[in-house]
Amino acid sequence: MKRLCLMLVASVTSGCASYYSHYAMFPAQNSAGEPRQIRLSWQSADYPDWWFASDKATAIRVETQCSERIWRLRDIADPQAGECGAGIRACGQAGQDLHAPSGELATAGVRCMIAEPDDPKASVAAVSGSLDLLVSCVPATTTVRAGDEERNVDYLRASPVPYTVFVRKAPRGSLRAKMPEFDESACDAQ
């Protein structure tokens, strides 16, 4: 009887979720007007409808080719989401970002990037197929000094119209789950 109970518990608790990698890569310009590849990525755990747990997802990472700045868009389920409004968002960092429409320094209360801007209740776990990404900030400076080196911190150009991004979803660990790499030769040429 104990063995049967252990087998039942093991079958119910293991394998209830399906784990996925999500990614997208698209061409765009950074704030300096240079052509760059932009990569979005996140992980998710999808639970069956009959299961007691809700679907979960990590923050959406937004990376720009040749830049060290990484944005993380978080939803209300993430305790690190910040206080810059509802939806899937990334807040500005004081001294690093300018709110593009006003030209003023962005603060922690300004949403610089918003995924699915028309849906304030959007969650990362519910994103599939495509998403709209609205960028409302520009970097205060596109480079920073780190010792003797200059590091690029530029990112996706701000736009009043959202970028429509088509996302691939693949089972985690599969060959299709491997994210595309940036072509670093574009960075070396500058």
N, C-alpha and C. Protein backbone atom coordinates (compact mmCIF):
# COMPACT_ATOMS: atom_id res chain seq x y z
N MET A 1 0.83 -1.20 0.00
CA MET A 1 0.00 0.00 0.00
C MET A 1 0.88 1.27 0.00
N LYS A 2 1.94 1.26 0.83
CA LYS A 2 2.84 2.42 0.88
C LYS A 2 3.48 2.65 -0.48
N ARG A 3 3.87 1.57 -1.12
CA ARG A 3 4.51 1.67 -2.42
C ARG A 3 3.55 2.29 -3.45
N LEU A 4 2.29 1.88 -3.43
CA LEU A 4 1.28 2.42 -4.32
C LEU A 4 1.07 3.91 -4.07
N CYS A 5 1.03 4.30 -2.79
CA CYS A 5 0.86 5.72 -2.45
C CYS A 5 2.05 6.55 -2.94
N LEU A 6 3.27 6.02 -2.74
CA LEU A 6 4.46 6.74 -3.21
C LEU A 6 4.46 6.89 -4.71
N MET A 7 4.06 5.84 -5.42
CA MET A 7 4.00 5.92 -6.88
C MET A 7 2.96 6.94 -7.33
N LEU A 8 1.83 6.98 -6.65
CA LEU A 8 0.77 7.94 -7.00
C LEU A 8 1.25 9.37 -6.76
N VAL A 9 1.88 9.61 -5.61
CA VAL A 9 2.39 10.95 -5.30
C VAL A 9 3.47 11.35 -6.32
N ALA A 10 4.37 10.44 -6.65
CA ALA A 10 5.43 10.74 -7.61
C ALA A 10 4.85 11.05 -8.99
N SER A 11 3.84 10.32 -9.41
CA SER A 11 3.28 10.57 -10.74
C SER A 11 2.50 11.87 -10.79
N VAL A 12 1.89 12.27 -9.67
CA VAL A 12 1.11 13.51 -9.65
C VAL A 12 2.02 14.73 -9.55
N THR A 13 3.10 14.63 -8.77
CA THR A 13 3.95 15.81 -8.57
C THR A 13 5.02 15.97 -9.64
N SER A 14 5.46 14.91 -10.25
CA SER A 14 6.48 15.06 -11.29
C SER A 14 5.82 15.06 -12.66
N GLY A 15 6.32 15.86 -13.51
CA GLY A 15 5.81 15.87 -14.87
C GLY A 15 4.50 16.61 -15.06
N CYS A 16 4.07 17.36 -14.07
CA CYS A 16 2.81 18.09 -14.22
C CYS A 16 2.97 19.30 -15.12
N ALA A 17 4.16 19.86 -15.13
CA ALA A 17 4.39 21.05 -15.95
C ALA A 17 5.18 20.68 -17.20
N SER A 18 4.94 21.46 -18.23
CA SER A 18 5.76 21.38 -19.44
C SER A 18 6.62 22.63 -19.45
N TYR A 19 7.91 22.46 -19.69
CA TYR A 19 8.85 23.57 -19.61
C TYR A 19 9.28 24.00 -21.01
N TYR A 20 9.25 25.32 -21.23
CA TYR A 20 9.53 25.86 -22.56
C TYR A 20 10.54 27.00 -22.51
N SER A 21 11.24 27.16 -23.62
CA SER A 21 12.09 28.33 -23.86
C SER A 21 11.39 29.16 -24.94
N HIS A 22 11.38 30.46 -24.76
CA HIS A 22 10.78 31.39 -25.72
C HIS A 22 11.87 32.36 -26.16
N TYR A 23 11.92 32.65 -27.45
CA TYR A 23 12.91 33.61 -27.92
C TYR A 23 12.46 34.22 -29.24
N ALA A 24 13.05 35.37 -29.50
CA ALA A 24 12.81 36.07 -30.77
C ALA A 24 14.05 36.89 -31.08
N MET A 25 14.32 37.06 -32.35
CA MET A 25 15.40 37.94 -32.78
C MET A 25 14.88 38.71 -33.98
N PHE A 26 15.08 40.02 -33.96
CA PHE A 26 14.60 40.84 -35.07
C PHE A 26 15.55 42.01 -35.30
N PRO A 27 15.60 42.52 -36.54
CA PRO A 27 16.46 43.67 -36.83
C PRO A 27 15.74 44.97 -36.48
N ALA A 28 16.49 45.91 -35.95
CA ALA A 28 15.94 47.23 -35.63
C ALA A 28 17.13 48.18 -35.49
N GLN A 29 16.86 49.39 -35.08
CA GLN A 29 17.93 50.36 -34.83
C GLN A 29 18.04 50.63 -33.35
N ASN A 30 19.26 50.93 -32.90
CA ASN A 30 19.42 51.38 -31.53
C ASN A 30 19.16 52.88 -31.49
N SER A 31 19.30 53.50 -30.33
CA SER A 31 18.97 54.92 -30.22
C SER A 31 19.92 55.81 -31.03
N ALA A 32 21.12 55.29 -31.35
CA ALA A 32 22.06 56.05 -32.17
C ALA A 32 21.78 55.89 -33.66
N GLY A 33 20.76 55.11 -34.01
CA GLY A 33 20.39 54.91 -35.41
C GLY A 33 21.18 53.83 -36.11
N GLU A 34 21.95 53.04 -35.37
CA GLU A 34 22.74 51.96 -35.96
C GLU A 34 21.91 50.69 -36.10
N PRO A 35 22.05 49.96 -37.20
CA PRO A 35 21.29 48.71 -37.35
C PRO A 35 21.83 47.65 -36.39
N ARG A 36 20.92 47.03 -35.66
CA ARG A 36 21.28 46.02 -34.66
C ARG A 36 20.27 44.89 -34.67
N GLN A 37 20.68 43.76 -34.12
CA GLN A 37 19.77 42.65 -33.85
C GLN A 37 19.30 42.81 -32.41
N ILE A 38 18.01 42.56 -32.19
CA ILE A 38 17.43 42.62 -30.86
C ILE A 38 16.95 41.22 -30.51
N ARG A 39 17.29 40.75 -29.31
CA ARG A 39 16.91 39.40 -28.90
C ARG A 39 16.07 39.46 -27.63
N LEU A 40 14.94 38.77 -27.66
CA LEU A 40 14.08 38.60 -26.49
C LEU A 40 14.13 37.13 -26.09
N SER A 41 14.10 36.85 -24.79
CA SER A 41 14.09 35.46 -24.34
C SER A 41 13.51 35.36 -22.95
N TRP A 42 12.87 34.20 -22.67
CA TRP A 42 12.39 33.88 -21.34
C TRP A 42 12.07 32.39 -21.27
N GLN A 43 11.81 31.91 -20.06
CA GLN A 43 11.48 30.51 -19.81
C GLN A 43 10.08 30.46 -19.20
N SER A 44 9.38 29.35 -19.43
CA SER A 44 8.05 29.21 -18.83
C SER A 44 7.80 27.79 -18.38
N ALA A 45 6.86 27.66 -17.46
CA ALA A 45 6.36 26.36 -17.00
C ALA A 45 4.86 26.40 -17.20
N ASP A 46 4.36 25.54 -18.07
CA ASP A 46 2.92 25.48 -18.35
C ASP A 46 2.32 24.28 -17.63
N TYR A 47 1.32 24.54 -16.80
CA TYR A 47 0.66 23.49 -16.04
C TYR A 47 -0.67 23.13 -16.70
N PRO A 48 -1.11 21.89 -16.58
CA PRO A 48 -2.42 21.52 -17.14
C PRO A 48 -3.53 22.31 -16.45
N ASP A 49 -4.64 22.50 -17.16
CA ASP A 49 -5.76 23.26 -16.60
C ASP A 49 -6.30 22.66 -15.32
N TRP A 50 -6.21 21.34 -15.19
CA TRP A 50 -6.76 20.69 -14.00
C TRP A 50 -5.83 20.78 -12.79
N TRP A 51 -4.60 21.23 -12.99
CA TRP A 51 -3.63 21.30 -11.91
C TRP A 51 -3.85 22.55 -11.07
N PHE A 52 -3.50 22.50 -9.79
CA PHE A 52 -3.77 23.61 -8.88
C PHE A 52 -2.82 24.79 -9.07
N ALA A 53 -1.66 24.59 -9.69
CA ALA A 53 -0.70 25.68 -9.87
C ALA A 53 -0.97 26.43 -11.16
N SER A 54 -0.66 27.70 -11.14
CA SER A 54 -0.80 28.54 -12.34
C SER A 54 0.48 28.49 -13.15
N ASP A 55 0.37 28.79 -14.45
CA ASP A 55 1.56 28.87 -15.31
C ASP A 55 2.51 29.92 -14.76
N LYS A 56 3.80 29.69 -14.95
CA LYS A 56 4.81 30.61 -14.44
C LYS A 56 5.80 30.94 -15.55
N ALA A 57 6.46 32.08 -15.42
CA ALA A 57 7.47 32.47 -16.41
C ALA A 57 8.49 33.39 -15.77
N THR A 58 9.68 33.37 -16.33
CA THR A 58 10.73 34.29 -15.90
C THR A 58 10.48 35.65 -16.54
N ALA A 59 11.28 36.62 -16.18
CA ALA A 59 11.21 37.93 -16.82
C ALA A 59 11.66 37.80 -18.28
N ILE A 60 11.14 38.68 -19.12
CA ILE A 60 11.56 38.73 -20.52
C ILE A 60 12.86 39.55 -20.60
N ARG A 61 13.90 38.92 -21.12
CA ARG A 61 15.18 39.62 -21.32
C ARG A 61 15.18 40.27 -22.70
N VAL A 62 15.53 41.54 -22.75
CA VAL A 62 15.66 42.25 -24.02
C VAL A 62 17.12 42.68 -24.15
N GLU A 63 17.79 42.12 -25.16
CA GLU A 63 19.21 42.40 -25.38
C GLU A 63 19.40 43.02 -26.75
N THR A 64 20.35 43.92 -26.84
CA THR A 64 20.68 44.58 -28.10
C THR A 64 22.09 44.21 -28.50
N GLN A 65 22.26 43.82 -29.75
CA GLN A 65 23.57 43.46 -30.30
C GLN A 65 24.58 44.58 -30.02
N CYS A 66 25.77 44.23 -29.59
CA CYS A 66 26.88 45.15 -29.31
C CYS A 66 26.71 45.95 -28.02
N SER A 67 25.69 45.67 -27.24
CA SER A 67 25.44 46.42 -26.02
C SER A 67 25.49 45.49 -24.80
N GLU A 68 25.94 46.03 -23.69
CA GLU A 68 25.96 45.26 -22.44
C GLU A 68 24.71 45.48 -21.61
N ARG A 69 23.85 46.39 -22.02
CA ARG A 69 22.63 46.67 -21.25
C ARG A 69 21.59 45.60 -21.53
N ILE A 70 21.08 44.99 -20.48
CA ILE A 70 20.03 43.98 -20.59
C ILE A 70 18.82 44.49 -19.82
N TRP A 71 17.69 44.55 -20.50
CA TRP A 71 16.43 44.93 -19.87
C TRP A 71 15.70 43.66 -19.45
N ARG A 72 14.98 43.72 -18.33
CA ARG A 72 14.16 42.61 -17.86
C ARG A 72 12.74 43.13 -17.64
N LEU A 73 11.83 42.65 -18.48
CA LEU A 73 10.43 43.05 -18.37
C LEU A 73 9.72 42.06 -17.45
N ARG A 74 9.08 42.57 -16.42
CA ARG A 74 8.46 41.74 -15.40
C ARG A 74 6.98 42.08 -15.27
N ASP A 75 6.20 41.08 -14.84
CA ASP A 75 4.77 41.32 -14.62
C ASP A 75 4.49 41.39 -13.12
N ILE A 76 3.23 41.54 -12.77
CA ILE A 76 2.82 41.73 -11.38
C ILE A 76 3.17 40.53 -10.50
N ALA A 77 3.32 39.34 -11.10
CA ALA A 77 3.66 38.14 -10.32
C ALA A 77 5.11 38.15 -9.86
N ASP A 78 5.93 39.00 -10.44
CA ASP A 78 7.35 39.06 -10.11
C ASP A 78 7.57 40.09 -9.00
N PRO A 79 8.14 39.69 -7.86
CA PRO A 79 8.35 40.64 -6.77
C PRO A 79 9.33 41.77 -7.10
N GLN A 80 10.12 41.62 -8.17
CA GLN A 80 11.07 42.66 -8.57
C GLN A 80 10.52 43.54 -9.70
N ALA A 81 9.22 43.53 -9.90
CA ALA A 81 8.62 44.22 -11.04
C ALA A 81 8.80 45.73 -11.01
N GLY A 82 8.90 46.32 -9.88
CA GLY A 82 9.04 47.77 -9.81
C GLY A 82 7.68 48.46 -9.73
N GLU A 83 7.71 49.70 -9.42
CA GLU A 83 6.48 50.47 -9.19
C GLU A 83 6.16 51.41 -10.33
N CYS A 84 6.42 51.01 -11.56
CA CYS A 84 6.20 51.94 -12.67
C CYS A 84 4.94 51.62 -13.46
N GLY A 85 3.98 50.99 -12.85
CA GLY A 85 2.71 50.76 -13.51
C GLY A 85 2.38 49.30 -13.67
N ALA A 86 1.29 49.05 -14.36
CA ALA A 86 0.78 47.70 -14.54
C ALA A 86 1.33 47.08 -15.80
N GLY A 87 1.06 45.79 -15.96
CA GLY A 87 1.45 45.08 -17.17
C GLY A 87 2.85 44.51 -17.10
N ILE A 88 3.35 44.10 -18.24
CA ILE A 88 4.71 43.55 -18.35
C ILE A 88 5.61 44.73 -18.68
N ARG A 89 6.45 45.13 -17.74
CA ARG A 89 7.18 46.38 -17.92
C ARG A 89 8.59 46.32 -17.33
N ALA A 90 9.39 47.29 -17.77
CA ALA A 90 10.71 47.53 -17.20
C ALA A 90 10.77 49.02 -16.87
N CYS A 91 11.16 49.32 -15.66
CA CYS A 91 11.21 50.70 -15.19
C CYS A 91 12.54 51.35 -15.55
N GLY A 92 12.51 52.65 -15.70
CA GLY A 92 13.72 53.40 -15.98
C GLY A 92 14.65 53.41 -14.77
N GLN A 93 15.92 53.63 -15.03
CA GLN A 93 16.90 53.72 -13.95
C GLN A 93 17.42 55.14 -13.89
N ALA A 94 17.35 55.70 -12.70
CA ALA A 94 17.75 57.10 -12.51
C ALA A 94 19.16 57.34 -13.03
N GLY A 95 19.32 58.38 -13.82
CA GLY A 95 20.62 58.76 -14.36
C GLY A 95 21.03 57.99 -15.61
N GLN A 96 20.34 56.91 -15.94
CA GLN A 96 20.72 56.11 -17.10
C GLN A 96 19.78 56.27 -18.28
N ASP A 97 18.54 56.68 -18.02
CA ASP A 97 17.53 56.72 -19.08
C ASP A 97 16.83 58.07 -19.13
N LEU A 98 16.42 58.43 -20.35
CA LEU A 98 15.60 59.63 -20.57
C LEU A 98 14.26 59.19 -21.11
N HIS A 99 13.19 59.78 -20.60
CA HIS A 99 11.87 59.51 -21.13
C HIS A 99 11.78 60.21 -22.48
N ALA A 100 11.69 59.45 -23.56
CA ALA A 100 11.79 60.00 -24.92
C ALA A 100 10.75 61.08 -25.22
N PRO A 101 9.46 60.90 -24.89
CA PRO A 101 8.49 61.95 -25.24
C PRO A 101 8.75 63.29 -24.55
N SER A 102 9.21 63.25 -23.29
CA SER A 102 9.40 64.49 -22.55
C SER A 102 10.85 64.98 -22.58
N GLY A 103 11.81 64.06 -22.80
CA GLY A 103 13.22 64.42 -22.77
C GLY A 103 13.78 64.55 -21.37
N GLU A 104 12.95 64.26 -20.35
CA GLU A 104 13.39 64.37 -18.96
C GLU A 104 14.02 63.07 -18.49
N LEU A 105 14.85 63.18 -17.47
CA LEU A 105 15.45 61.98 -16.90
C LEU A 105 14.36 61.04 -16.38
N ALA A 106 14.49 59.78 -16.73
CA ALA A 106 13.55 58.78 -16.26
C ALA A 106 13.87 58.43 -14.82
N THR A 107 12.85 58.12 -14.07
CA THR A 107 13.01 57.68 -12.69
C THR A 107 12.50 56.26 -12.58
N ALA A 108 12.58 55.70 -11.40
CA ALA A 108 12.09 54.33 -11.18
C ALA A 108 10.59 54.22 -11.41
N GLY A 109 9.89 55.35 -11.47
CA GLY A 109 8.44 55.33 -11.68
C GLY A 109 8.04 55.43 -13.14
N VAL A 110 9.00 55.48 -14.06
CA VAL A 110 8.71 55.62 -15.49
C VAL A 110 8.88 54.27 -16.18
N ARG A 111 7.84 53.86 -16.93
CA ARG A 111 7.95 52.62 -17.70
C ARG A 111 8.72 52.92 -18.98
N CYS A 112 9.87 52.29 -19.12
CA CYS A 112 10.69 52.50 -20.32
C CYS A 112 10.36 51.49 -21.40
N MET A 113 10.04 50.26 -21.02
CA MET A 113 9.65 49.23 -21.98
C MET A 113 8.40 48.54 -21.45
N ILE A 114 7.46 48.30 -22.38
CA ILE A 114 6.20 47.65 -22.02
C ILE A 114 5.88 46.60 -23.08
N ALA A 115 5.66 45.37 -22.64
CA ALA A 115 5.20 44.33 -23.55
C ALA A 115 3.68 44.28 -23.44
N GLU A 116 3.01 44.15 -24.56
CA GLU A 116 1.55 44.15 -24.61
C GLU A 116 0.98 45.42 -23.95
N PRO A 117 1.34 46.61 -24.47
CA PRO A 117 0.97 47.87 -23.83
C PRO A 117 -0.53 48.11 -23.72
N ASP A 118 -1.33 47.45 -24.56
CA ASP A 118 -2.78 47.66 -24.50
C ASP A 118 -3.46 46.80 -23.44
N ASP A 119 -2.70 45.93 -22.75
CA ASP A 119 -3.28 45.03 -21.76
C ASP A 119 -2.57 45.20 -20.41
N PRO A 120 -3.13 46.03 -19.51
CA PRO A 120 -2.48 46.26 -18.22
C PRO A 120 -2.47 45.02 -17.32
N LYS A 121 -3.24 44.00 -17.66
CA LYS A 121 -3.26 42.77 -16.86
C LYS A 121 -2.44 41.65 -17.50
N ALA A 122 -1.67 41.98 -18.53
CA ALA A 122 -0.88 40.97 -19.24
C ALA A 122 0.12 40.31 -18.31
N SER A 123 0.39 39.04 -18.57
CA SER A 123 1.41 38.31 -17.81
C SER A 123 2.37 37.64 -18.80
N VAL A 124 3.60 37.47 -18.38
CA VAL A 124 4.61 36.86 -19.24
C VAL A 124 4.19 35.43 -19.58
N ALA A 125 3.63 34.71 -18.61
CA ALA A 125 3.24 33.31 -18.83
C ALA A 125 2.18 33.17 -19.91
N ALA A 126 1.40 34.21 -20.17
CA ALA A 126 0.32 34.14 -21.16
C ALA A 126 0.76 34.55 -22.57
N VAL A 127 1.98 35.06 -22.71
CA VAL A 127 2.46 35.50 -24.03
C VAL A 127 2.77 34.28 -24.89
N SER A 128 2.22 34.28 -26.11
CA SER A 128 2.56 33.20 -27.05
C SER A 128 2.40 33.72 -28.47
N GLY A 129 3.22 33.23 -29.36
CA GLY A 129 3.11 33.60 -30.76
C GLY A 129 3.75 34.92 -31.11
N SER A 130 3.22 35.99 -30.57
CA SER A 130 3.79 37.32 -30.84
C SER A 130 3.48 38.23 -29.67
N LEU A 131 4.21 39.32 -29.62
CA LEU A 131 3.94 40.33 -28.60
C LEU A 131 4.26 41.70 -29.18
N ASP A 132 3.62 42.70 -28.62
CA ASP A 132 3.92 44.09 -28.98
C ASP A 132 4.85 44.64 -27.90
N LEU A 133 5.89 45.34 -28.32
CA LEU A 133 6.87 45.89 -27.40
C LEU A 133 6.98 47.39 -27.65
N LEU A 134 6.62 48.17 -26.66
CA LEU A 134 6.67 49.63 -26.75
C LEU A 134 7.89 50.12 -25.98
N VAL A 135 8.73 50.90 -26.63
CA VAL A 135 9.93 51.46 -26.01
C VAL A 135 9.73 52.96 -25.87
N SER A 136 9.80 53.47 -24.63
CA SER A 136 9.52 54.89 -24.37
C SER A 136 10.72 55.67 -23.87
N CYS A 137 11.87 55.03 -23.77
CA CYS A 137 13.06 55.70 -23.24
C CYS A 137 14.23 55.58 -24.20
N VAL A 138 15.20 56.45 -23.99
CA VAL A 138 16.49 56.40 -24.69
C VAL A 138 17.57 56.47 -23.62
N PRO A 139 18.75 55.94 -23.91
CA PRO A 139 19.81 56.03 -22.90
C PRO A 139 20.29 57.47 -22.73
N ALA A 140 20.58 57.85 -21.51
CA ALA A 140 21.11 59.18 -21.25
C ALA A 140 22.47 59.33 -21.93
N THR A 141 23.21 58.26 -21.97
CA THR A 141 24.47 58.19 -22.70
C THR A 141 24.58 56.77 -23.27
N THR A 142 25.14 56.64 -24.46
CA THR A 142 25.19 55.33 -25.10
C THR A 142 26.42 54.52 -24.69
N THR A 143 27.39 55.17 -24.03
CA THR A 143 28.57 54.45 -23.56
C THR A 143 28.90 54.88 -22.13
N VAL A 144 29.54 53.99 -21.41
CA VAL A 144 30.04 54.31 -20.06
C VAL A 144 31.49 53.83 -19.99
N ARG A 145 32.26 54.51 -19.16
CA ARG A 145 33.67 54.13 -18.98
C ARG A 145 33.77 53.13 -17.83
N ALA A 146 34.55 52.09 -18.07
CA ALA A 146 34.86 51.09 -17.05
C ALA A 146 36.37 50.92 -17.06
N GLY A 147 37.04 51.69 -16.22
CA GLY A 147 38.51 51.70 -16.25
C GLY A 147 38.99 52.34 -17.52
N ASP A 148 39.80 51.59 -18.28
CA ASP A 148 40.33 52.10 -19.55
C ASP A 148 39.41 51.81 -20.72
N GLU A 149 38.36 51.04 -20.48
CA GLU A 149 37.47 50.62 -21.56
C GLU A 149 36.19 51.45 -21.59
N GLU A 150 35.64 51.54 -22.78
CA GLU A 150 34.34 52.16 -22.97
C GLU A 150 33.35 51.04 -23.28
N ARG A 151 32.27 50.96 -22.52
CA ARG A 151 31.28 49.91 -22.71
C ARG A 151 30.02 50.51 -23.34
N ASN A 152 29.46 49.81 -24.32
CA ASN A 152 28.25 50.25 -24.99
C ASN A 152 27.04 49.84 -24.16
N VAL A 153 26.14 50.79 -23.88
CA VAL A 153 24.91 50.50 -23.12
C VAL A 153 23.68 50.99 -23.89
N ASP A 154 23.82 51.14 -25.21
CA ASP A 154 22.72 51.57 -26.05
C ASP A 154 21.68 50.45 -26.15
N TYR A 155 20.48 50.78 -26.52
CA TYR A 155 19.43 49.77 -26.65
C TYR A 155 18.42 50.17 -27.71
N LEU A 156 17.43 49.33 -27.90
CA LEU A 156 16.41 49.48 -28.93
C LEU A 156 15.84 50.89 -28.95
N ARG A 157 15.76 51.43 -30.16
CA ARG A 157 15.28 52.81 -30.37
C ARG A 157 13.84 52.98 -29.87
N ALA A 158 13.59 54.10 -29.21
CA ALA A 158 12.24 54.42 -28.74
C ALA A 158 11.34 54.70 -29.94
N SER A 159 10.07 54.34 -29.78
CA SER A 159 9.11 54.54 -30.86
C SER A 159 7.72 54.73 -30.27
N PRO A 160 6.92 55.65 -30.82
CA PRO A 160 5.54 55.81 -30.33
C PRO A 160 4.64 54.65 -30.76
N VAL A 161 5.11 53.86 -31.73
CA VAL A 161 4.36 52.70 -32.22
C VAL A 161 5.07 51.44 -31.73
N PRO A 162 4.35 50.49 -31.15
CA PRO A 162 5.01 49.28 -30.65
C PRO A 162 5.63 48.44 -31.77
N TYR A 163 6.73 47.80 -31.44
CA TYR A 163 7.33 46.81 -32.33
C TYR A 163 6.50 45.53 -32.18
N THR A 164 6.16 44.88 -33.28
CA THR A 164 5.50 43.58 -33.21
C THR A 164 6.57 42.52 -33.38
N VAL A 165 6.68 41.65 -32.38
CA VAL A 165 7.75 40.66 -32.33
C VAL A 165 7.14 39.27 -32.38
N PHE A 166 7.60 38.44 -33.30
CA PHE A 166 7.12 37.06 -33.41
C PHE A 166 8.05 36.15 -32.62
N VAL A 167 7.46 35.37 -31.73
CA VAL A 167 8.22 34.59 -30.75
C VAL A 167 8.16 33.10 -31.07
N ARG A 168 9.30 32.43 -30.92
CA ARG A 168 9.36 30.97 -31.05
C ARG A 168 9.26 30.36 -29.67
N LYS A 169 8.58 29.23 -29.60
CA LYS A 169 8.42 28.50 -28.35
C LYS A 169 8.88 27.07 -28.61
N ALA A 170 9.78 26.57 -27.75
CA ALA A 170 10.32 25.23 -27.94
C ALA A 170 10.45 24.54 -26.59
N PRO A 171 10.26 23.23 -26.54
CA PRO A 171 10.47 22.52 -25.28
C PRO A 171 11.90 22.75 -24.79
N ARG A 172 12.02 23.07 -23.51
CA ARG A 172 13.34 23.35 -22.95
C ARG A 172 14.23 22.12 -23.09
N GLY A 173 15.45 22.32 -23.52
CA GLY A 173 16.39 21.23 -23.69
C GLY A 173 16.42 20.65 -25.09
N SER A 174 15.44 21.00 -25.91
CA SER A 174 15.42 20.49 -27.29
C SER A 174 16.39 21.29 -28.15
N LEU A 175 16.72 20.76 -29.32
CA LEU A 175 17.61 21.48 -30.23
C LEU A 175 16.99 22.79 -30.69
N ARG A 176 15.67 22.83 -30.83
CA ARG A 176 14.98 24.06 -31.26
C ARG A 176 15.01 25.13 -30.19
N ALA A 177 15.33 24.77 -28.94
CA ALA A 177 15.32 25.73 -27.85
C ALA A 177 16.60 26.58 -27.81
N LYS A 178 17.57 26.25 -28.64
CA LYS A 178 18.82 27.01 -28.66
C LYS A 178 18.58 28.38 -29.28
N MET A 179 18.89 29.41 -28.51
CA MET A 179 18.68 30.78 -28.99
C MET A 179 19.70 31.15 -30.06
N PRO A 180 19.29 31.99 -31.00
CA PRO A 180 20.27 32.47 -31.99
C PRO A 180 21.30 33.37 -31.32
N GLU A 181 22.51 33.32 -31.84
CA GLU A 181 23.60 34.13 -31.30
C GLU A 181 23.71 35.44 -32.07
N PHE A 182 24.23 36.46 -31.40
CA PHE A 182 24.51 37.72 -32.07
C PHE A 182 25.76 37.56 -32.95
N ASP A 183 25.78 38.26 -34.06
CA ASP A 183 26.97 38.32 -34.90
C ASP A 183 27.87 39.42 -34.34
N GLU A 184 28.89 39.03 -33.60
CA GLU A 184 29.76 39.99 -32.93
C GLU A 184 30.68 40.74 -33.90
N SER A 185 30.79 40.26 -35.15
CA SER A 185 31.64 40.95 -36.11
C SER A 185 31.12 42.38 -36.38
N ALA A 186 29.82 42.58 -36.24
CA ALA A 186 29.25 43.93 -36.43
C ALA A 186 29.78 44.89 -35.36
N CYS A 187 30.06 44.36 -34.17
CA CYS A 187 30.56 45.19 -33.08
C CYS A 187 32.05 45.49 -33.26
N ASP A 188 32.79 44.51 -33.78
CA ASP A 188 34.22 44.68 -33.99
C ASP A 188 34.52 45.70 -35.06
N ALA A 189 33.59 45.86 -36.00
CA ALA A 189 33.80 46.76 -37.14
C ALA A 189 33.75 48.23 -36.70
N GLN A 190 33.25 48.50 -35.51
CA GLN A 190 33.11 49.89 -35.08
C GLN A 190 34.24 50.36 -34.23
